Amino acid sequence: GDNAGVLAIDGVPDEILVELMTWFSYSGDYYQVTASSIHHVFVDDVPLEMSSESAHAAIGDSGTSLLLLPTALLLEVEQVMEEHVCEELGLCDHDWIRGAECLHRCN
């Protein structure tokens, strides 16, 4: 629905995706997560397998490595990333989040 959001991150390890989703678990909202070799759909924090083709079709050409969320949620996500995710998940030490606010916060 209109409240659906997409979080697409290239090359993030599976366990980190799971950790990230705990920060982006808004009740009733639907998030899709893609990684270079991992494609999950999270619904209420439950991961479901998703094919590469399905992930590509769902996200589209411009979705890779971008946070694509409704504006209200995006503001909250940026705040969460600034205050929690970058430091606590050690994202500042890694190169596999591109196009996310996190890298700007870290630098």
C-alpha atoms as a PDB file:
ATOM      1  CA  GLY A   1       0.000   0.000   0.000  1.00  0.00           C
ATOM      2  CA  ASP A   2       0.970   3.649   0.203  1.00  0.00           C
ATOM      3  CA  ASN A   3       2.776   3.063   3.479  1.00  0.00           C
ATOM      4  CA  ALA A   4       5.126   0.489   1.971  1.00  0.00           C
ATOM      5  CA  GLY A   5       8.814   1.302   1.949  1.00  0.00           C
ATOM      6  CA  VAL A   6      11.882  -0.179   0.342  1.00  0.00           C
ATOM      7  CA  LEU A   7      15.281  -0.556   1.940  1.00  0.00           C
ATOM      8  CA  ALA A   8      17.857  -1.779  -0.573  1.00  0.00           C
ATOM      9  CA  ILE A   9      21.457  -2.290   0.469  1.00  0.00           C
ATOM     10  CA  ASP A  10      24.063  -4.008  -1.689  1.00  0.00           C
ATOM     11  CA  GLY A  11      26.395  -6.557  -0.214  1.00  0.00           C
ATOM     12  CA  VAL A  12      25.272  -6.375   3.401  1.00  0.00           C
ATOM     13  CA  PRO A  13      25.701  -9.658   5.280  1.00  0.00           C
ATOM     14  CA  ASP A  14      22.518 -11.505   6.151  1.00  0.00           C
ATOM     15  CA  GLU A  15      22.918 -11.045   9.912  1.00  0.00           C
ATOM     16  CA  ILE A  16      23.343  -7.313   9.476  1.00  0.00           C
ATOM     17  CA  LEU A  17      20.167  -7.123   7.420  1.00  0.00           C
ATOM     18  CA  VAL A  18      18.323  -8.827  10.227  1.00  0.00           C
ATOM     19  CA  GLU A  19      19.769  -6.352  12.708  1.00  0.00           C
ATOM     20  CA  LEU A  20      18.885  -3.417  10.481  1.00  0.00           C
ATOM     21  CA  MET A  21      15.303  -4.562  10.176  1.00  0.00           C
ATOM     22  CA  THR A  22      14.849  -4.326  13.932  1.00  0.00           C
ATOM     23  CA  TRP A  23      15.314  -0.568  13.561  1.00  0.00           C
ATOM     24  CA  PHE A  24      12.880  -0.322  10.657  1.00  0.00           C
ATOM     25  CA  SER A  25      10.008  -2.370  12.047  1.00  0.00           C
ATOM     26  CA  TYR A  26       7.049  -0.041  11.750  1.00  0.00           C
ATOM     27  CA  SER A  27       3.764  -1.759  12.485  1.00  0.00           C
ATOM     28  CA  GLY A  28       1.741  -2.458   9.362  1.00  0.00           C
ATOM     29  CA  ASP A  29       4.473  -1.392   6.972  1.00  0.00           C
ATOM     30  CA  TYR A  30       6.101  -3.649   4.415  1.00  0.00           C
ATOM     31  CA  TYR A  31       9.827  -3.541   3.803  1.00  0.00           C
ATOM     32  CA  GLN A  32      11.876  -5.261   1.137  1.00  0.00           C
ATOM     33  CA  VAL A  33      15.582  -5.866   1.636  1.00  0.00           C
ATOM     34  CA  THR A  34      17.984  -6.882  -1.095  1.00  0.00           C
ATOM     35  CA  ALA A  35      21.665  -7.705  -0.932  1.00  0.00           C
ATOM     36  CA  SER A  36      24.096  -8.835  -3.595  1.00  0.00           C
ATOM     37  CA  SER A  37      23.433 -12.514  -2.950  1.00  0.00           C
ATOM     38  CA  ILE A  38      20.607 -12.361  -0.416  1.00  0.00           C
ATOM     39  CA  HIS A  39      17.019 -11.471  -1.214  1.00  0.00           C
ATOM     40  CA  HIS A  40      14.538 -11.388   1.629  1.00  0.00           C
ATOM     41  CA  VAL A  41      11.150  -9.851   2.067  1.00  0.00           C
ATOM     42  CA  PHE A  42      10.457  -8.895   5.644  1.00  0.00           C
ATOM     43  CA  VAL A  43       6.841  -8.805   6.766  1.00  0.00           C
ATOM     44  CA  ASP A  44       6.413  -8.069  10.460  1.00  0.00           C
ATOM     45  CA  ASP A  45      10.090  -8.947  10.962  1.00  0.00           C
ATOM     46  CA  VAL A  46       9.647 -12.404   9.439  1.00  0.00           C
ATOM     47  CA  PRO A  47      12.070 -13.013   6.545  1.00  0.00           C
ATOM     48  CA  LEU A  48      10.737 -14.737   3.441  1.00  0.00           C
ATOM     49  CA  GLU A  49      12.927 -15.915   0.603  1.00  0.00           C
ATOM     50  CA  MET A  50      12.730 -13.815  -2.542  1.00  0.00           C
ATOM     51  CA  SER A  51      14.228 -14.497  -5.937  1.00  0.00           C
ATOM     52  CA  SER A  52      16.653 -12.077  -7.533  1.00  0.00           C
ATOM     53  CA  GLU A  53      14.197 -11.493 -10.371  1.00  0.00           C
ATOM     54  CA  SER A  54      11.377 -10.718  -7.969  1.00  0.00           C
ATOM     55  CA  ALA A  55      13.554  -8.380  -5.973  1.00  0.00           C
ATOM     56  CA  HIS A  56      14.630  -6.533  -9.103  1.00  0.00           C
ATOM     57  CA  ALA A  57      11.053  -6.253 -10.322  1.00  0.00           C
ATOM     58  CA  ALA A  58       9.834  -5.024  -6.961  1.00  0.00           C
ATOM     59  CA  ILE A  59      12.527  -2.419  -6.471  1.00  0.00           C
ATOM     60  CA  GLY A  60      13.208  -1.322 -10.019  1.00  0.00           C
ATOM     61  CA  ASP A  61      16.368  -0.100 -11.698  1.00  0.00           C
ATOM     62  CA  SER A  62      16.828   2.914  -9.448  1.00  0.00           C
ATOM     63  CA  GLY A  63      16.365   1.110  -6.137  1.00  0.00           C
ATOM     64  CA  THR A  64      19.770  -0.467  -5.713  1.00  0.00           C
ATOM     65  CA  SER A  65      21.763   0.903  -2.794  1.00  0.00           C
ATOM     66  CA  LEU A  66      19.177   3.561  -1.998  1.00  0.00           C
ATOM     67  CA  LEU A  67      16.841   4.129   0.900  1.00  0.00           C
ATOM     68  CA  LEU A  68      13.473   4.587  -0.767  1.00  0.00           C
ATOM     69  CA  LEU A  69      10.867   5.352   1.871  1.00  0.00           C
ATOM     70  CA  PRO A  70       7.934   7.687   2.349  1.00  0.00           C
ATOM     71  CA  THR A  71       9.173  11.084   3.486  1.00  0.00           C
ATOM     72  CA  ALA A  72       7.883  10.757   7.039  1.00  0.00           C
ATOM     73  CA  LEU A  73       9.524   7.371   7.473  1.00  0.00           C
ATOM     74  CA  LEU A  74      12.703   8.497   5.732  1.00  0.00           C
ATOM     75  CA  LEU A  75      13.158  11.258   8.285  1.00  0.00           C
ATOM     76  CA  GLU A  76      12.792   8.732  11.085  1.00  0.00           C
ATOM     77  CA  VAL A  77      15.159   6.306   9.398  1.00  0.00           C
ATOM     78  CA  GLU A  78      17.785   9.009   8.960  1.00  0.00           C
ATOM     79  CA  GLN A  79      17.474   9.889  12.631  1.00  0.00           C
ATOM     80  CA  VAL A  80      17.789   6.248  13.622  1.00  0.00           C
ATOM     81  CA  MET A  81      20.820   5.786  11.382  1.00  0.00           C
ATOM     82  CA  GLU A  82      22.454   8.874  12.791  1.00  0.00           C
ATOM     83  CA  GLU A  83      21.833   7.997  16.428  1.00  0.00           C
ATOM     84  CA  HIS A  84      22.058   4.229  16.508  1.00  0.00           C
ATOM     85  CA  VAL A  85      22.713   2.128  13.450  1.00  0.00           C
ATOM     86  CA  CYS A  86      26.017   3.515  12.223  1.00  0.00           C
ATOM     87  CA  GLU A  87      27.795   3.192  15.530  1.00  0.00           C
ATOM     88  CA  GLU A  88      26.111   0.181  17.066  1.00  0.00           C
ATOM     89  CA  LEU A  89      26.247  -1.981  13.953  1.00  0.00           C
ATOM     90  CA  GLY A  90      29.731  -0.804  13.037  1.00  0.00           C
ATOM     91  CA  LEU A  91      28.616   0.438   9.631  1.00  0.00           C
ATOM     92  CA  CYS A  92      31.191   3.214   9.735  1.00  0.00           C
ATOM     93  CA  ASP A  93      33.908   0.589   9.406  1.00  0.00           C
ATOM     94  CA  HIS A  94      32.461  -0.932   6.275  1.00  0.00           C
ATOM     95  CA  ASP A  95      32.099   0.012   2.684  1.00  0.00           C
ATOM     96  CA  TRP A  96      28.989  -1.935   1.826  1.00  0.00           C
ATOM     97  CA  ILE A  97      26.400   0.701   2.421  1.00  0.00           C
ATOM     98  CA  ARG A  98      26.358   3.107  -0.492  1.00  0.00           C
ATOM     99  CA  GLY A  99      23.888   5.897  -1.052  1.00  0.00           C
ATOM    100  CA  ALA A 100      22.762   5.801   2.575  1.00  0.00           C
ATOM    101  CA  GLU A 101      22.876   8.707   4.988  1.00  0.00           C
ATOM    102  CA  CYS A 102      25.002   6.575   7.266  1.00  0.00           C
ATOM    103  CA  LEU A 103      28.186   7.117   5.294  1.00  0.00           C
ATOM    104  CA  HIS A 104      27.752  10.865   5.467  1.00  0.00           C
ATOM    105  CA  ARG A 105      27.225  10.693   9.221  1.00  0.00           C
ATOM    106  CA  CYS A 106      30.351   8.596   9.649  1.00  0.00           C
ATOM    107  CA  ASN A 107      32.513  10.855   7.500  1.00  0.00           C
END
